[in-house]
Amino acid sequence: MIEILDDPYVVTYKQIHAMASESRDRVELLERSSCYGGSAWARYHYSRGPLVESSRNLGEWFRYLVRVGSVDLDLVSSRRSAGIRSMVINGDEVEVTYAGLGGGGVGATLSRAGADDVIRSQCTEAGGGRVASGTLVLPRRERLIIGVDDTDSKTRGATWTLVHNIASRVDRPEARYVSHSLVQLFPVPHKTQNCVSTAVEFACLPGKSQGMLNDFQELLEKYTVSEQTGMAAYAAFDPSILQPYADRCRRERIDYQDAVLAAEEAGVQVIMDGRGLIGALAALPYCARPDQSVIPGGD
């Protein structure tokens, strides 16, 4: 006997998170999809809205860089059928209002209201030919990036696998694990094999990341097979201040003291200070850019 569908016209998103900039003028909205096709349709239409500066997808995550403000979407069937109508930051909460025509209205409202991290929501009736809108209230989160390098040996281990497994284990409501990047570095003589460091990204509630960081460090120290492991953490919306340093690490050999100086200048928290700090620091600006970070720096 075929089971009855609970709600045949709603596909609920798994997670939705809102990471705000320090200046409170932009929000990166992260939506973890349950249906790639539906989210790809949404990305096409949402990206044409006035508030959306850029959009991309990483696996099942769809990410929108959105300006804070409110606009008239002027929805047009088949051309711009849905979008983000407003983005507002109220203290520790972020309010995002979606709107859409017909089926786009269903996706813009009901499908998102049940996602993890939604504090509360208010939706109009959706479906048919009507315009539907819905406002989600999300906790304001902050970006935290962890860079790691040199955890393996010539015969055992791989940094990217260990870091992913640790990040998955320490993932929690206060600090959600949202992206992973392998960063190709310049092949130095003391490399193990491929000379690749790793960056992982967390969407954290303000002031709630230290427990996750402590657990991450404890697991890294337990399972690394190298005495030169480096671990660095950077809490900022935009890590591009470290891009010049990272570019150098991908083109040429870098001295350890150069890494220490770059960390001090950028305000990076050095957690494990082995030689791997050189690559760990270079991984940070490649957060959420896995397709670019794997390309050799000289190409």
C-alpha atoms as a PDB file:
ATOM      1  CA  MET A   1       0.000   0.000   0.000  1.00  0.00           C
ATOM      2  CA  ILE A   2       1.389   3.388  -1.016  1.00  0.00           C
ATOM      3  CA  GLU A   3       1.662   5.782   1.883  1.00  0.00           C
ATOM      4  CA  ILE A   4      -0.233   9.067   1.789  1.00  0.00           C
ATOM      5  CA  LEU A   5       1.944  12.138   1.202  1.00  0.00           C
ATOM      6  CA  ASP A   6       1.955  14.495   4.168  1.00  0.00           C
ATOM      7  CA  ASP A   7       1.960  17.584   1.954  1.00  0.00           C
ATOM      8  CA  PRO A   8       2.316  16.921  -1.783  1.00  0.00           C
ATOM      9  CA  TYR A   9       3.042  20.563  -2.659  1.00  0.00           C
ATOM     10  CA  VAL A  10       5.761  21.404  -0.133  1.00  0.00           C
ATOM     11  CA  VAL A  11       9.441  20.389  -0.313  1.00  0.00           C
ATOM     12  CA  THR A  12      10.991  21.618   2.923  1.00  0.00           C
ATOM     13  CA  TYR A  13      14.510  23.033   2.908  1.00  0.00           C
ATOM     14  CA  LYS A  14      16.910  21.295   5.317  1.00  0.00           C
ATOM     15  CA  GLN A  15      18.597  24.374   6.748  1.00  0.00           C
ATOM     16  CA  ILE A  16      18.628  28.146   6.229  1.00  0.00           C
ATOM     17  CA  HIS A  17      21.245  30.366   7.856  1.00  0.00           C
ATOM     18  CA  ALA A  18      21.917  34.103   7.732  1.00  0.00           C
ATOM     19  CA  MET A  19      25.489  35.363   8.254  1.00  0.00           C
ATOM     20  CA  ALA A  20      25.693  39.134   8.650  1.00  0.00           C
ATOM     21  CA  SER A  21      28.627  41.423   7.901  1.00  0.00           C
ATOM     22  CA  GLU A  22      30.228  43.391  10.718  1.00  0.00           C
ATOM     23  CA  SER A  23      28.821  46.620   9.237  1.00  0.00           C
ATOM     24  CA  ARG A  24      25.303  45.085   9.089  1.00  0.00           C
ATOM     25  CA  ASP A  25      24.875  46.150   5.457  1.00  0.00           C
ATOM     26  CA  ARG A  26      25.029  42.691   3.860  1.00  0.00           C
ATOM     27  CA  VAL A  27      23.894  39.175   4.686  1.00  0.00           C
ATOM     28  CA  GLU A  28      25.006  35.914   3.142  1.00  0.00           C
ATOM     29  CA  LEU A  29      21.932  33.712   3.054  1.00  0.00           C
ATOM     30  CA  LEU A  30      22.652  29.971   2.987  1.00  0.00           C
ATOM     31  CA  GLU A  31      19.893  27.573   1.970  1.00  0.00           C
ATOM     32  CA  ARG A  32      20.443  23.811   2.165  1.00  0.00           C
ATOM     33  CA  SER A  33      18.214  22.295  -0.465  1.00  0.00           C
ATOM     34  CA  SER A  34      16.157  19.108  -0.428  1.00  0.00           C
ATOM     35  CA  CYS A  35      15.515  19.362  -4.185  1.00  0.00           C
ATOM     36  CA  TYR A  36      18.305  20.647  -6.403  1.00  0.00           C
ATOM     37  CA  GLY A  37      16.039  21.360  -9.360  1.00  0.00           C
ATOM     38  CA  GLY A  38      13.687  23.545  -7.367  1.00  0.00           C
ATOM     39  CA  SER A  39      16.555  25.458  -5.798  1.00  0.00           C
ATOM     40  CA  ALA A  40      18.238  25.937  -9.185  1.00  0.00           C
ATOM     41  CA  TRP A  41      15.005  27.499 -10.465  1.00  0.00           C
ATOM     42  CA  ALA A  42      14.899  29.771  -7.414  1.00  0.00           C
ATOM     43  CA  ARG A  43      18.518  30.797  -7.844  1.00  0.00           C
ATOM     44  CA  TYR A  44      17.896  31.819 -11.457  1.00  0.00           C
ATOM     45  CA  HIS A  45      14.969  34.056 -10.522  1.00  0.00           C
ATOM     46  CA  TYR A  46      16.263  35.355  -7.180  1.00  0.00           C
ATOM     47  CA  SER A  47      19.570  36.394  -8.743  1.00  0.00           C
ATOM     48  CA  ARG A  48      17.699  38.902 -10.895  1.00  0.00           C
ATOM     49  CA  GLY A  49      16.326  40.727  -7.883  1.00  0.00           C
ATOM     50  CA  PRO A  50      17.747  44.162  -6.950  1.00  0.00           C
ATOM     51  CA  LEU A  51      18.956  43.121  -3.490  1.00  0.00           C
ATOM     52  CA  VAL A  52      20.970  40.068  -4.564  1.00  0.00           C
ATOM     53  CA  GLU A  53      24.584  40.984  -5.330  1.00  0.00           C
ATOM     54  CA  SER A  54      25.703  37.451  -6.219  1.00  0.00           C
ATOM     55  CA  SER A  55      24.662  33.823  -5.918  1.00  0.00           C
ATOM     56  CA  ARG A  56      26.251  30.392  -6.238  1.00  0.00           C
ATOM     57  CA  ASN A  57      25.731  26.813  -5.191  1.00  0.00           C
ATOM     58  CA  LEU A  58      28.113  24.405  -3.463  1.00  0.00           C
ATOM     59  CA  GLY A  59      26.592  20.943  -3.557  1.00  0.00           C
ATOM     60  CA  GLU A  60      23.202  21.142  -1.883  1.00  0.00           C
ATOM     61  CA  TRP A  61      23.923  24.613  -0.445  1.00  0.00           C
ATOM     62  CA  PHE A  62      22.631  27.643  -2.349  1.00  0.00           C
ATOM     63  CA  ARG A  63      24.215  30.898  -1.224  1.00  0.00           C
ATOM     64  CA  TYR A  64      23.025  34.474  -1.822  1.00  0.00           C
ATOM     65  CA  LEU A  65      24.938  37.648  -0.978  1.00  0.00           C
ATOM     66  CA  VAL A  66      22.149  40.103  -0.195  1.00  0.00           C
ATOM     67  CA  ARG A  67      22.126  43.824   0.577  1.00  0.00           C
ATOM     68  CA  VAL A  68      20.100  44.910   3.577  1.00  0.00           C
ATOM     69  CA  GLY A  69      16.997  46.827   2.485  1.00  0.00           C
ATOM     70  CA  SER A  70      13.547  46.523   0.895  1.00  0.00           C
ATOM     71  CA  VAL A  71      12.500  46.686  -2.779  1.00  0.00           C
ATOM     72  CA  ASP A  72       9.546  46.275  -5.094  1.00  0.00           C
ATOM     73  CA  LEU A  73      10.266  43.079  -7.034  1.00  0.00           C
ATOM     74  CA  ASP A  74       7.895  43.783  -9.933  1.00  0.00           C
ATOM     75  CA  LEU A  75       7.346  40.052 -10.499  1.00  0.00           C
ATOM     76  CA  VAL A  76       6.839  38.872 -14.076  1.00  0.00           C
ATOM     77  CA  SER A  77       5.694  35.336 -14.902  1.00  0.00           C
ATOM     78  CA  SER A  78       8.465  33.101 -16.347  1.00  0.00           C
ATOM     79  CA  ARG A  79      11.057  35.895 -16.272  1.00  0.00           C
ATOM     80  CA  ARG A  80      11.292  36.971 -12.645  1.00  0.00           C
ATOM     81  CA  SER A  81       8.703  34.870 -10.889  1.00  0.00           C
ATOM     82  CA  ALA A  82      10.153  35.005  -7.378  1.00  0.00           C
ATOM     83  CA  GLY A  83      12.715  36.835  -5.320  1.00  0.00           C
ATOM     84  CA  ILE A  84      13.919  38.305  -2.051  1.00  0.00           C
ATOM     85  CA  ARG A  85      11.837  41.371  -1.273  1.00  0.00           C
ATOM     86  CA  SER A  86      13.530  42.535   1.906  1.00  0.00           C
ATOM     87  CA  MET A  87      16.429  41.801   4.237  1.00  0.00           C
ATOM     88  CA  VAL A  88      16.397  43.358   7.694  1.00  0.00           C
ATOM     89  CA  ILE A  89      18.736  42.938  10.680  1.00  0.00           C
ATOM     90  CA  ASN A  90      17.105  43.465  14.083  1.00  0.00           C
ATOM     91  CA  GLY A  91      19.660  42.929  16.825  1.00  0.00           C
ATOM     92  CA  ASP A  92      20.401  39.210  16.996  1.00  0.00           C
ATOM     93  CA  GLU A  93      17.726  38.351  14.430  1.00  0.00           C
ATOM     94  CA  VAL A  94      17.571  38.563  10.640  1.00  0.00           C
ATOM     95  CA  GLU A  95      14.255  38.897   8.811  1.00  0.00           C
ATOM     96  CA  VAL A  96      14.133  37.863   5.167  1.00  0.00           C
ATOM     97  CA  THR A  97      10.974  38.240   3.096  1.00  0.00           C
ATOM     98  CA  TYR A  98      10.482  36.161  -0.051  1.00  0.00           C
ATOM     99  CA  ALA A  99       7.767  36.596  -2.666  1.00  0.00           C
ATOM    100  CA  GLY A 100       6.717  34.613  -5.704  1.00  0.00           C
ATOM    101  CA  LEU A 101       4.042  33.888  -8.263  1.00  0.00           C
ATOM    102  CA  GLY A 102       2.158  30.563  -8.343  1.00  0.00           C
ATOM    103  CA  GLY A 103       4.444  27.648  -7.622  1.00  0.00           C
ATOM    104  CA  GLY A 104       7.247  30.114  -6.987  1.00  0.00           C
ATOM    105  CA  GLY A 105       5.206  31.455  -4.121  1.00  0.00           C
ATOM    106  CA  VAL A 106       4.942  27.982  -2.612  1.00  0.00           C
ATOM    107  CA  GLY A 107       8.711  27.579  -2.752  1.00  0.00           C
ATOM    108  CA  ALA A 108       9.307  31.085  -1.483  1.00  0.00           C
ATOM    109  CA  THR A 109       7.144  30.632   1.588  1.00  0.00           C
ATOM    110  CA  LEU A 110       5.956  27.223   2.763  1.00  0.00           C
ATOM    111  CA  SER A 111       9.026  25.268   1.639  1.00  0.00           C
ATOM    112  CA  ARG A 112      11.342  27.481   3.675  1.00  0.00           C
ATOM    113  CA  ALA A 113       9.231  27.990   6.788  1.00  0.00           C
ATOM    114  CA  GLY A 114       9.984  24.489   8.097  1.00  0.00           C
ATOM    115  CA  ALA A 115      13.765  24.641   7.633  1.00  0.00           C
ATOM    116  CA  ASP A 116      16.157  24.191  10.517  1.00  0.00           C
ATOM    117  CA  ASP A 117      17.240  27.511  12.110  1.00  0.00           C
ATOM    118  CA  VAL A 118      13.946  29.301  11.385  1.00  0.00           C
ATOM    119  CA  ILE A 119      12.848  30.898  14.645  1.00  0.00           C
ATOM    120  CA  ARG A 120       9.393  31.857  13.385  1.00  0.00           C
ATOM    121  CA  SER A 121       7.689  32.626  10.107  1.00  0.00           C
ATOM    122  CA  GLN A 122       4.668  34.334   8.653  1.00  0.00           C
ATOM    123  CA  CYS A 123       3.358  33.244   5.264  1.00  0.00           C
ATOM    124  CA  THR A 124       0.458  34.242   3.060  1.00  0.00           C
ATOM    125  CA  GLU A 125      -1.606  31.667   1.217  1.00  0.00           C
ATOM    126  CA  ALA A 126       0.389  30.247  -1.711  1.00  0.00           C
ATOM    127  CA  GLY A 127      -0.348  28.476  -4.991  1.00  0.00           C
ATOM    128  CA  GLY A 128      -2.500  29.085  -8.039  1.00  0.00           C
ATOM    129  CA  GLY A 129      -1.938  32.379  -9.838  1.00  0.00           C
ATOM    130  CA  ARG A 130      -1.619  34.573  -6.769  1.00  0.00           C
ATOM    131  CA  VAL A 131       1.452  36.365  -5.439  1.00  0.00           C
ATOM    132  CA  ALA A 132       2.546  34.811  -2.163  1.00  0.00           C
ATOM    133  CA  SER A 133       5.023  36.168   0.331  1.00  0.00           C
ATOM    134  CA  GLY A 134       6.554  34.993   3.543  1.00  0.00           C
ATOM    135  CA  THR A 135       8.912  36.340   6.166  1.00  0.00           C
ATOM    136  CA  LEU A 136      11.381  34.110   7.970  1.00  0.00           C
ATOM    137  CA  VAL A 137      13.056  35.171  11.189  1.00  0.00           C
ATOM    138  CA  LEU A 138      16.512  33.640  11.563  1.00  0.00           C
ATOM    139  CA  PRO A 139      19.219  34.013  14.195  1.00  0.00           C
ATOM    140  CA  ARG A 140      21.974  36.370  13.110  1.00  0.00           C
ATOM    141  CA  ARG A 141      25.099  34.310  12.595  1.00  0.00           C
ATOM    142  CA  GLU A 142      28.755  35.136  12.022  1.00  0.00           C
ATOM    143  CA  ARG A 143      31.315  33.479   9.795  1.00  0.00           C
ATOM    144  CA  LEU A 144      34.171  31.501  11.384  1.00  0.00           C
ATOM    145  CA  ILE A 145      36.819  29.877   9.183  1.00  0.00           C
ATOM    146  CA  ILE A 146      39.290  27.246  10.352  1.00  0.00           C
ATOM    147  CA  GLY A 147      42.430  26.501   8.349  1.00  0.00           C
ATOM    148  CA  VAL A 148      44.482  23.339   8.927  1.00  0.00           C
ATOM    149  CA  ASP A 149      47.618  21.868   7.387  1.00  0.00           C
ATOM    150  CA  ASP A 150      50.219  19.181   8.031  1.00  0.00           C
ATOM    151  CA  THR A 151      48.326  16.427   9.862  1.00  0.00           C
ATOM    152  CA  ASP A 152      49.576  13.428   7.879  1.00  0.00           C
ATOM    153  CA  SER A 153      52.779  11.538   7.124  1.00  0.00           C
ATOM    154  CA  LYS A 154      54.278   9.884   4.035  1.00  0.00           C
ATOM    155  CA  THR A 155      52.448   6.662   4.857  1.00  0.00           C
ATOM    156  CA  ARG A 156      49.347   7.640   6.783  1.00  0.00           C
ATOM    157  CA  GLY A 157      46.526  10.152   6.803  1.00  0.00           C
ATOM    158  CA  ALA A 158      45.071  12.936   4.655  1.00  0.00           C
ATOM    159  CA  THR A 159      44.413  16.395   6.054  1.00  0.00           C
ATOM    160  CA  TRP A 160      41.240  17.066   4.105  1.00  0.00           C
ATOM    161  CA  THR A 161      39.528  13.866   5.301  1.00  0.00           C
ATOM    162  CA  LEU A 162      40.488  14.356   8.943  1.00  0.00           C
ATOM    163  CA  VAL A 163      39.347  17.980   8.918  1.00  0.00           C
ATOM    164  CA  HIS A 164      36.009  17.121   7.308  1.00  0.00           C
ATOM    165  CA  ASN A 165      35.357  14.343   9.795  1.00  0.00           C
ATOM    166  CA  ILE A 166      36.224  16.589  12.741  1.00  0.00           C
ATOM    167  CA  ALA A 167      34.072  19.430  11.400  1.00  0.00           C
ATOM    168  CA  SER A 168      31.152  17.042  10.958  1.00  0.00           C
ATOM    169  CA  ARG A 169      31.568  15.755  14.515  1.00  0.00           C
ATOM    170  CA  VAL A 170      31.715  19.196  16.169  1.00  0.00           C
ATOM    171  CA  ASP A 171      28.814  20.608  14.122  1.00  0.00           C
ATOM    172  CA  ARG A 172      26.131  21.876  16.524  1.00  0.00           C
ATOM    173  CA  PRO A 173      23.234  24.345  16.622  1.00  0.00           C
ATOM    174  CA  GLU A 174      25.515  27.160  17.841  1.00  0.00           C
ATOM    175  CA  ALA A 175      28.138  26.522  15.133  1.00  0.00           C
ATOM    176  CA  ARG A 176      26.936  24.940  11.897  1.00  0.00           C
ATOM    177  CA  TYR A 177      29.470  23.355   9.514  1.00  0.00           C
ATOM    178  CA  VAL A 178      28.646  24.731   6.062  1.00  0.00           C
ATOM    179  CA  SER A 179      31.624  24.378   3.674  1.00  0.00           C
ATOM    180  CA  HIS A 180      34.942  22.625   3.007  1.00  0.00           C
ATOM    181  CA  SER A 181      37.772  23.568   0.597  1.00  0.00           C
ATOM    182  CA  LEU A 182      41.014  21.846  -0.398  1.00  0.00           C
ATOM    183  CA  VAL A 183      43.652  24.471  -1.161  1.00  0.00           C
ATOM    184  CA  GLN A 184      46.504  23.607  -3.515  1.00  0.00           C
ATOM    185  CA  LEU A 185      49.790  25.089  -2.293  1.00  0.00           C
ATOM    186  CA  PHE A 186      53.227  25.424  -3.849  1.00  0.00           C
ATOM    187  CA  PRO A 187      54.961  22.001  -3.623  1.00  0.00           C
ATOM    188  CA  VAL A 188      57.685  22.515  -1.008  1.00  0.00           C
ATOM    189  CA  PRO A 189      60.384  19.898  -0.231  1.00  0.00           C
ATOM    190  CA  HIS A 190      58.895  18.849   3.141  1.00  0.00           C
ATOM    191  CA  LYS A 191      55.400  18.147   1.736  1.00  0.00           C
ATOM    192  CA  THR A 192      53.896  14.699   2.295  1.00  0.00           C
ATOM    193  CA  GLN A 193      52.374  14.163  -1.136  1.00  0.00           C
ATOM    194  CA  ASN A 194      50.096  16.743  -2.774  1.00  0.00           C
ATOM    195  CA  CYS A 195      50.840  19.826  -0.648  1.00  0.00           C
ATOM    196  CA  VAL A 196      47.204  20.681   0.036  1.00  0.00           C
ATOM    197  CA  SER A 197      45.768  22.509   3.057  1.00  0.00           C
ATOM    198  CA  THR A 198      42.118  22.661   4.113  1.00  0.00           C
ATOM    199  CA  ALA A 199      39.608  25.332   5.124  1.00  0.00           C
ATOM    200  CA  VAL A 200      36.257  24.647   6.785  1.00  0.00           C
ATOM    201  CA  GLU A 201      33.563  27.236   7.415  1.00  0.00           C
ATOM    202  CA  PHE A 202      31.078  27.497  10.264  1.00  0.00           C
ATOM    203  CA  ALA A 203      28.020  29.742  10.650  1.00  0.00           C
ATOM    204  CA  CYS A 204      28.118  30.645  14.342  1.00  0.00           C
ATOM    205  CA  LEU A 205      25.858  32.368  16.812  1.00  0.00           C
ATOM    206  CA  PRO A 206      27.617  35.441  18.251  1.00  0.00           C
ATOM    207  CA  GLY A 207      29.827  34.542  21.201  1.00  0.00           C
ATOM    208  CA  LYS A 208      29.011  30.816  20.919  1.00  0.00           C
ATOM    209  CA  SER A 209      31.904  29.403  18.880  1.00  0.00           C
ATOM    210  CA  GLN A 210      34.548  28.772  21.548  1.00  0.00           C
ATOM    211  CA  GLY A 211      33.169  25.401  22.650  1.00  0.00           C
ATOM    212  CA  MET A 212      33.238  24.151  19.071  1.00  0.00           C
ATOM    213  CA  LEU A 213      36.794  25.480  18.597  1.00  0.00           C
ATOM    214  CA  ASN A 214      37.976  23.745  21.759  1.00  0.00           C
ATOM    215  CA  ASP A 215      36.450  20.437  20.656  1.00  0.00           C
ATOM    216  CA  PHE A 216      37.902  20.836  17.159  1.00  0.00           C
ATOM    217  CA  GLN A 217      41.394  21.398  18.571  1.00  0.00           C
ATOM    218  CA  GLU A 218      41.088  18.458  20.942  1.00  0.00           C
ATOM    219  CA  LEU A 219      40.147  16.072  18.131  1.00  0.00           C
ATOM    220  CA  LEU A 220      42.835  17.476  15.824  1.00  0.00           C
ATOM    221  CA  GLU A 221      45.512  16.976  18.476  1.00  0.00           C
ATOM    222  CA  LYS A 222      44.236  13.446  19.133  1.00  0.00           C
ATOM    223  CA  TYR A 223      44.226  12.241  15.541  1.00  0.00           C
ATOM    224  CA  THR A 224      47.011  14.140  13.773  1.00  0.00           C
ATOM    225  CA  VAL A 225      50.057  11.998  12.975  1.00  0.00           C
ATOM    226  CA  SER A 226      52.343  15.005  12.506  1.00  0.00           C
ATOM    227  CA  GLU A 227      54.246  17.079  15.045  1.00  0.00           C
ATOM    228  CA  GLN A 228      54.050  20.118  12.753  1.00  0.00           C
ATOM    229  CA  THR A 229      50.271  20.597  12.556  1.00  0.00           C
ATOM    230  CA  GLY A 230      49.009  24.146  12.068  1.00  0.00           C
ATOM    231  CA  MET A 231      45.502  25.349  12.946  1.00  0.00           C
ATOM    232  CA  ALA A 232      44.247  28.906  12.534  1.00  0.00           C
ATOM    233  CA  ALA A 233      40.806  30.448  13.067  1.00  0.00           C
ATOM    234  CA  TYR A 234      39.451  33.650  11.527  1.00  0.00           C
ATOM    235  CA  ALA A 235      36.180  35.243  12.587  1.00  0.00           C
ATOM    236  CA  ALA A 236      35.195  37.747   9.892  1.00  0.00           C
ATOM    237  CA  PHE A 237      32.655  38.142   7.106  1.00  0.00           C
ATOM    238  CA  ASP A 238      35.293  38.806   4.443  1.00  0.00           C
ATOM    239  CA  PRO A 239      38.675  36.998   4.632  1.00  0.00           C
ATOM    240  CA  SER A 240      40.100  38.676   1.521  1.00  0.00           C
ATOM    241  CA  ILE A 241      42.703  40.560   3.597  1.00  0.00           C
ATOM    242  CA  LEU A 242      44.625  37.256   3.520  1.00  0.00           C
ATOM    243  CA  GLN A 243      44.361  36.787  -0.250  1.00  0.00           C
ATOM    244  CA  PRO A 244      47.787  38.295  -1.133  1.00  0.00           C
ATOM    245  CA  TYR A 245      49.472  35.990   1.370  1.00  0.00           C
ATOM    246  CA  ALA A 246      47.530  32.974   0.064  1.00  0.00           C
ATOM    247  CA  ASP A 247      48.457  33.825  -3.524  1.00  0.00           C
ATOM    248  CA  ARG A 248      52.132  33.813  -2.569  1.00  0.00           C
ATOM    249  CA  CYS A 249      51.772  30.437  -0.855  1.00  0.00           C
ATOM    250  CA  ARG A 250      50.281  29.013  -4.028  1.00  0.00           C
ATOM    251  CA  ARG A 251      53.104  30.362  -6.216  1.00  0.00           C
ATOM    252  CA  GLU A 252      56.253  30.082  -4.093  1.00  0.00           C
ATOM    253  CA  ARG A 253      57.816  28.788  -0.887  1.00  0.00           C
ATOM    254  CA  ILE A 254      56.959  30.904   2.180  1.00  0.00           C
ATOM    255  CA  ASP A 255      58.995  31.283   5.361  1.00  0.00           C
ATOM    256  CA  TYR A 256      57.349  30.464   8.684  1.00  0.00           C
ATOM    257  CA  GLN A 257      57.914  33.988  10.017  1.00  0.00           C
ATOM    258  CA  ASP A 258      55.997  35.394   7.031  1.00  0.00           C
ATOM    259  CA  ALA A 259      53.001  33.334   8.138  1.00  0.00           C
ATOM    260  CA  VAL A 260      53.288  34.551  11.732  1.00  0.00           C
ATOM    261  CA  LEU A 261      53.426  38.168  10.561  1.00  0.00           C
ATOM    262  CA  ALA A 262      50.444  37.725   8.194  1.00  0.00           C
ATOM    263  CA  ALA A 263      48.403  36.176  11.015  1.00  0.00           C
ATOM    264  CA  GLU A 264      49.192  39.071  13.342  1.00  0.00           C
ATOM    265  CA  GLU A 265      48.343  41.704  10.749  1.00  0.00           C
ATOM    266  CA  ALA A 266      45.008  40.091   9.837  1.00  0.00           C
ATOM    267  CA  GLY A 267      43.937  39.322  13.405  1.00  0.00           C
ATOM    268  CA  VAL A 268      43.949  35.547  12.931  1.00  0.00           C
ATOM    269  CA  GLN A 269      43.793  33.339  16.010  1.00  0.00           C
ATOM    270  CA  VAL A 270      46.696  30.878  15.902  1.00  0.00           C
ATOM    271  CA  ILE A 271      45.599  27.721  17.738  1.00  0.00           C
ATOM    272  CA  MET A 272      48.317  25.230  16.739  1.00  0.00           C
ATOM    273  CA  ASP A 273      51.603  26.765  15.666  1.00  0.00           C
ATOM    274  CA  GLY A 274      53.498  23.989  13.899  1.00  0.00           C
ATOM    275  CA  ARG A 275      55.040  24.466  10.462  1.00  0.00           C
ATOM    276  CA  GLY A 276      51.615  23.673   8.998  1.00  0.00           C
ATOM    277  CA  LEU A 277      50.534  27.156  10.057  1.00  0.00           C
ATOM    278  CA  ILE A 278      51.939  28.375   6.725  1.00  0.00           C
ATOM    279  CA  GLY A 279      49.365  26.401   4.736  1.00  0.00           C
ATOM    280  CA  ALA A 280      46.598  26.684   7.321  1.00  0.00           C
ATOM    281  CA  LEU A 281      46.707  30.459   7.017  1.00  0.00           C
ATOM    282  CA  ALA A 282      46.739  30.299   3.207  1.00  0.00           C
ATOM    283  CA  ALA A 283      43.563  28.212   3.251  1.00  0.00           C
ATOM    284  CA  LEU A 284      41.453  30.820   5.071  1.00  0.00           C
ATOM    285  CA  PRO A 285      40.606  33.184   2.159  1.00  0.00           C
ATOM    286  CA  TYR A 286      39.569  30.202   0.035  1.00  0.00           C
ATOM    287  CA  CYS A 287      36.684  29.485   2.376  1.00  0.00           C
ATOM    288  CA  ALA A 288      33.633  28.341   0.347  1.00  0.00           C
ATOM    289  CA  ARG A 289      35.628  28.501  -2.931  1.00  0.00           C
ATOM    290  CA  PRO A 290      36.477  24.818  -3.493  1.00  0.00           C
ATOM    291  CA  ASP A 291      36.386  24.970  -7.280  1.00  0.00           C
ATOM    292  CA  GLN A 292      39.001  27.748  -7.367  1.00  0.00           C
ATOM    293  CA  SER A 293      41.170  26.540  -4.478  1.00  0.00           C
ATOM    294  CA  VAL A 294      42.077  23.220  -6.101  1.00  0.00           C
ATOM    295  CA  ILE A 295      43.671  24.885  -9.136  1.00  0.00           C
ATOM    296  CA  PRO A 296      47.484  25.124  -8.840  1.00  0.00           C
ATOM    297  CA  GLY A 297      48.550  28.699  -8.119  1.00  0.00           C
ATOM    298  CA  GLY A 298      50.786  28.948 -11.158  1.00  0.00           C
ATOM    299  CA  ASP A 299      48.002  27.966 -13.614  1.00  0.00           C
END
